[in-house]
Amino acid sequence: MDKEEFHNYVLSFYNGKDGIYRDVDATYTEVVDATRKLDRMYREHGDEPVYDSIDRERVRDFILESR
C-alpha cells in the first residue's frame, strides 16, 4: 500500500466521525505527521515501513504521545 492509502487506512480506524476507534479522534494532519515519525524510525534502523496493522498502531501511539 502506498503512503496515501496508508493515511486513509489509519483514518478509517481512528477518525472521530466514523472510525472504529472514534475516541482517538485523529486528524489527517496528525496521521501524516505520525507517519513521518514512523518512516524516520524505520530509516534509523535501516528498515522500510510495510504500512500494516502494526504500523497503524504505531502511528496511533505516536499521535497519542504527541498530544
Protein backbone atom coordinates (compact mmCIF):
# COMPACT_ATOMS: atom_id res chain seq x y z
CA MET A 1 0.00 0.00 0.00
CA ASP A 2 1.31 3.46 -0.74
CA LYS A 3 1.53 6.24 1.80
CA GLU A 4 -1.74 7.94 0.83
CA GLU A 5 -3.61 4.64 1.12
CA PHE A 6 -1.98 4.09 4.49
CA HIS A 7 -3.10 7.51 5.74
CA ASN A 8 -6.67 6.68 4.73
CA TYR A 9 -6.37 3.23 6.29
CA VAL A 10 -5.27 4.75 9.61
CA LEU A 11 -8.07 7.30 9.47
CA SER A 12 -10.63 4.57 8.83
CA PHE A 13 -9.76 3.27 12.28
CA TYR A 14 -9.05 6.42 14.27
CA ASN A 15 -11.12 9.32 12.94
CA GLY A 16 -13.67 10.80 15.32
CA LYS A 17 -16.63 10.66 12.97
CA ASP A 18 -16.99 7.09 11.75
CA GLY A 19 -13.74 5.37 12.70
CA ILE A 20 -13.70 2.07 14.50
CA TYR A 21 -11.91 3.70 17.45
CA ARG A 22 -13.50 7.15 17.39
CA ASP A 23 -12.15 8.07 20.81
CA VAL A 24 -8.70 8.65 19.25
CA ASP A 25 -10.28 11.34 17.02
CA ALA A 26 -7.22 11.62 14.79
CA THR A 27 -6.97 14.28 12.12
CA TYR A 28 -5.41 13.84 8.70
CA THR A 29 -2.58 16.17 9.70
CA GLU A 30 -1.85 14.13 12.82
CA VAL A 31 -1.76 10.94 10.75
CA VAL A 32 0.63 12.47 8.21
CA ASP A 33 2.93 13.80 10.95
CA ALA A 34 2.91 10.49 12.82
CA THR A 35 3.61 8.60 9.58
CA ARG A 36 6.66 10.81 9.03
CA LYS A 37 7.84 9.86 12.50
CA LEU A 38 7.25 6.19 11.69
CA ASP A 39 9.23 6.50 8.45
CA ARG A 40 12.09 8.17 10.35
CA MET A 41 12.08 5.41 12.96
CA TYR A 42 12.39 2.76 10.27
CA ARG A 43 15.17 4.63 8.43
CA GLU A 44 17.18 4.95 11.66
CA HIS A 45 17.09 1.16 11.93
CA GLY A 46 17.87 0.57 8.25
CA ASP A 47 14.40 -0.77 7.50
CA GLU A 48 11.42 0.20 5.39
CA PRO A 49 7.85 0.55 6.68
CA VAL A 50 5.37 -2.04 5.47
CA TYR A 51 2.28 0.01 6.40
CA ASP A 52 0.43 -2.88 8.00
CA SER A 53 -1.71 -3.12 11.14
CA ILE A 54 1.37 -2.92 13.40
CA ASP A 55 2.44 0.30 11.70
CA ARG A 56 -1.14 1.60 12.01
CA GLU A 57 -0.97 1.02 15.77
CA ARG A 58 2.45 2.69 15.96
CA VAL A 59 1.03 5.73 14.20
CA ARG A 60 -1.84 5.78 16.70
CA ASP A 61 0.66 5.66 19.56
CA PHE A 62 2.71 8.49 18.03
CA ILE A 63 -0.47 10.57 17.73
CA LEU A 64 -1.44 9.97 21.34
CA GLU A 65 2.08 10.68 22.58
CA SER A 66 2.16 13.99 20.70
CA ARG A 67 -0.93 15.35 22.42
